[in-house]
Protein backbone atom coordinates (compact mmCIF):
# COMPACT_ATOMS: atom_id res chain seq x y z
CA MET A 1 -53.93 0.70 6.11
CA GLU A 2 -51.94 -1.21 3.51
CA ASN A 3 -51.80 -4.78 3.16
CA ILE A 4 -48.41 -6.45 2.70
CA TRP A 5 -48.66 -9.48 0.13
CA TYR A 6 -46.18 -11.84 -1.25
CA ASP A 7 -46.27 -14.86 -3.52
CA SER A 8 -44.92 -17.75 -1.64
CA GLU A 9 -44.67 -19.91 -4.82
CA VAL A 10 -42.21 -17.43 -6.19
CA TYR A 11 -39.85 -18.35 -3.32
CA ASN A 12 -40.34 -22.13 -4.19
CA GLY A 13 -40.97 -22.88 -0.49
CA ARG A 14 -37.69 -21.35 0.70
CA GLY A 15 -38.14 -19.53 4.05
CA THR A 16 -41.82 -20.18 4.13
CA ARG A 17 -44.00 -23.27 4.78
CA THR A 18 -46.15 -23.94 1.57
CA GLU A 19 -48.98 -26.19 0.93
CA TYR A 20 -46.69 -28.16 -1.56
CA GLY A 21 -43.79 -29.02 1.00
CA ASP A 22 -43.66 -32.13 3.06
CA GLY A 23 -42.83 -30.26 6.27
CA ASN A 24 -39.39 -31.56 6.83
CA GLU A 25 -36.40 -29.51 6.84
CA TYR A 26 -33.37 -30.74 4.92
CA TYR A 27 -29.73 -29.86 5.58
CA TYR A 28 -27.57 -30.26 2.21
CA GLY A 29 -24.22 -29.06 3.65
CA PRO A 30 -21.24 -31.38 3.97
CA GLU A 31 -21.13 -34.05 6.48
CA ASN A 32 -17.83 -33.65 7.99
CA LYS A 33 -15.81 -36.76 9.00
CA ARG A 34 -13.51 -35.00 11.35
CA GLU A 35 -13.56 -32.21 13.64
CA CYS A 36 -12.27 -28.69 12.46
CA PRO A 37 -8.53 -28.72 12.04
CA CYS A 38 -8.29 -25.29 13.80
CA ASP A 39 -9.68 -26.53 17.01
CA THR A 40 -6.22 -27.98 18.24
CA CYS A 41 -3.87 -26.00 15.79
CA PRO A 42 -1.28 -23.87 17.76
CA LEU A 43 -1.35 -21.29 14.83
CA TYR A 44 -5.13 -20.56 15.36
CA GLU A 45 -4.77 -17.05 16.87
CA GLN A 46 -2.09 -16.19 14.21
CA CYS A 47 -4.36 -17.30 11.30
CA LEU A 48 -7.32 -15.41 12.89
CA LYS A 49 -5.32 -12.23 13.03
CA ASP A 50 -3.70 -12.47 9.61
CA VAL A 51 -6.94 -14.03 7.81
CA THR A 52 -5.03 -17.04 6.58
CA GLU A 53 -6.00 -20.71 6.17
CA CYS A 54 -3.84 -23.84 5.59
CA SER A 55 -4.50 -26.69 3.14
CA ALA A 56 -6.24 -28.82 5.84
CA MET A 57 -8.83 -26.20 6.56
CA ARG A 58 -9.49 -25.63 2.63
CA ASN A 59 -10.01 -29.53 2.33
CA TRP A 60 -12.16 -29.83 5.44
CA CYS A 61 -14.35 -27.01 4.18
CA SER A 62 -14.85 -28.64 0.84
CA LYS A 63 -14.67 -32.33 1.46
CA GLY A 64 -15.28 -32.77 5.24
CA ASP A 65 -12.02 -34.36 5.70
CA TYR A 66 -8.36 -33.68 5.60
CA ALA A 67 -4.79 -35.26 5.99
CA ASP A 68 -2.93 -34.76 9.17
CA LYS A 69 0.11 -33.77 7.21
CA ASP A 70 -1.74 -30.72 5.71
CA VAL A 71 -2.28 -28.91 9.04
CA GLN A 72 -0.16 -25.72 9.16
CA ARG A 73 0.78 -26.44 5.52
CA LEU A 74 0.53 -24.10 2.60
CA LEU A 75 -0.85 -21.05 4.64
CA ARG A 76 -2.39 -18.37 2.41
CA SER A 77 -5.00 -15.52 2.76
CA ALA A 78 -8.52 -16.71 2.95
């Protein structure tokens, strides 16, 4: 029978709880100020089929906010 061994310190506590961690889980992703612009967009199905995104979606993904004028504007492939 073989024993499986791994060094949790190599992973710096990612994916495993270590004796050095404080036990809390932190989420470092963006905190969106608004809902996804695609939720109410009439071009949602077309963008899904053509794999495109508008300026509002790109701004929402990177900054968590977008301008209303950017919805359905400057469509390009994702």
